[in-house]
Amino acid sequence: EIYERRLPYQIAEYFGQFEKRGGILFPPAASYEYYQNKVALSKLFKDTGVRTPATWVFKDVEEALAAKGDIKFPVVVKDPYGFSSNGIQQAASWDEFTSVVRTFFEGVRPGVEAIVQQKVVALREARVSYIDGRPFHGYWRVRQSLASASAASNLGGYQSFDFPLKDVAANVARFANMTGVPVGGVDWIWQEANPDPRVEAYTLEVSPTSDLNPPSPPDWKKTYAEFKLTDDYRPAYLAIRRLWTDLMTLAVIDRHRRSKRHLFVDIDNCISLSAARVLRFKGGKKAYSASEVIRDLPVPDAAAALHTLRPLYFIRFLTARRTYEDALNVTKTWLDTHGFEYDDVIVVNDAEDKEAHLTHETILIDDFTVGHHEGPVPRENSKFLATLTKAQLPFVKFPFGGRWADVP
């Protein structure tokens, strides 16, 4: 099989072996099927409804010449497995197309298709790089003239980095969601002389991996190729690659954190029988000393219940311990001593401070009680309950003195 045609699938299959063994890859291995593969991209865009110029895939010269009457000129003819606009040709009439397409098939190995695409006559196109559907780098590619086949620098085009990333954010998110390609560099073009990036563009192609061109200095007047020869290029290149690496890391962390719902769990009187300690010392300083806190007994079925819930939720302990001695370290030591499995421990000063960590997608389990030093039956923290109710933040009220088996 032709190497160039096989390459993207070979990459996808190689990394796919990790997924078959239980690994979770980002981006997924299947997205590499579109690497330098305009045939697969053409099908993807058609199947998912992505807006593109009219596109034809011809297997040989006979099939191309049989399409007379279907093709609308002008068109560009592309190598489906090429890059950087290498080998791209164009035709403005049927006679030109006949000559171009014959030359194309004479110059490629048998089995290589021709991509024929109606040319969008415009000076500017855009390259937008994105991670998890969020754009982070973009620039205009400006054609040398309207007669140019593309805006590639090897065809006389140049780059302009005054690109409004915020304006394309919604379209990038939509594109990534439609195609299932979460990471990539997409090439877009608009017909208008002064395009509005907020308007849906024509998609030319997307690559799941590509190099990044760092911005040239704002006052740079020469070609981008000349900028690459300066001492400033290498640091700029490393900086944009570092940004890409940082954003990829954050995207993976974000995806992991969104893979399950977050269950925030109060500690005092929900998993720890701490009320008796506070009452015993009448809420004095000794009640919150490390030596006493570490002696708290756990709610009998708490560890087992949270163990059962952990495959479904991220278990995040959220406790208000302003007056506790060395609150975070003592809390973690107590949790580990009693065999609790968890993903996070957050210590805040007061109960109301917990609201900052909650969203409409999280759940808080809390006993919502105060005044444990006053007597065996504490008061309800009605203020905190009202705050969460007003903000429509989901919560479950743990029965004071009860067990996890009693939680609805």
Foldseek 3Di string as FASTA:
>chain_A
DDCLLCVLVVQLVVVVVCVVVPDDDVPHSVQSNQALAQPVQVVLCVVLVAFAFDKDKAQALVRVLVCPVVDDDWKKKQFSNDPLCPPIDIDGDPVRVNVSRVVVRVPDDRRGIIMIGHDQQEQWKKKFWAAQLATDAMWIQGCPHSPFPDSRVVRVIAIGRPDDRVLQSVVSNVVCVSRVLRGWIWMWDANDHDDRNNDRTHTDGIHSDDADQFDDPPPDDDGSVVVCVDPVRVVRRVVVVVVVVVVNVVSVVVCVQPPAAAEEEEADQAFWPLLVLCQVVLNDLVSQELVNRLPTDTQVCVQVVVVVCVVHHAYEYEYARQSHDVPPVSVVVSCVVVNHDHDYYHYHHDPLVCVVVFDQRHEYEEQQFDDSNPDPDTHGNVVSVVVCVVVNTHYWHDHRVDHPVPTD
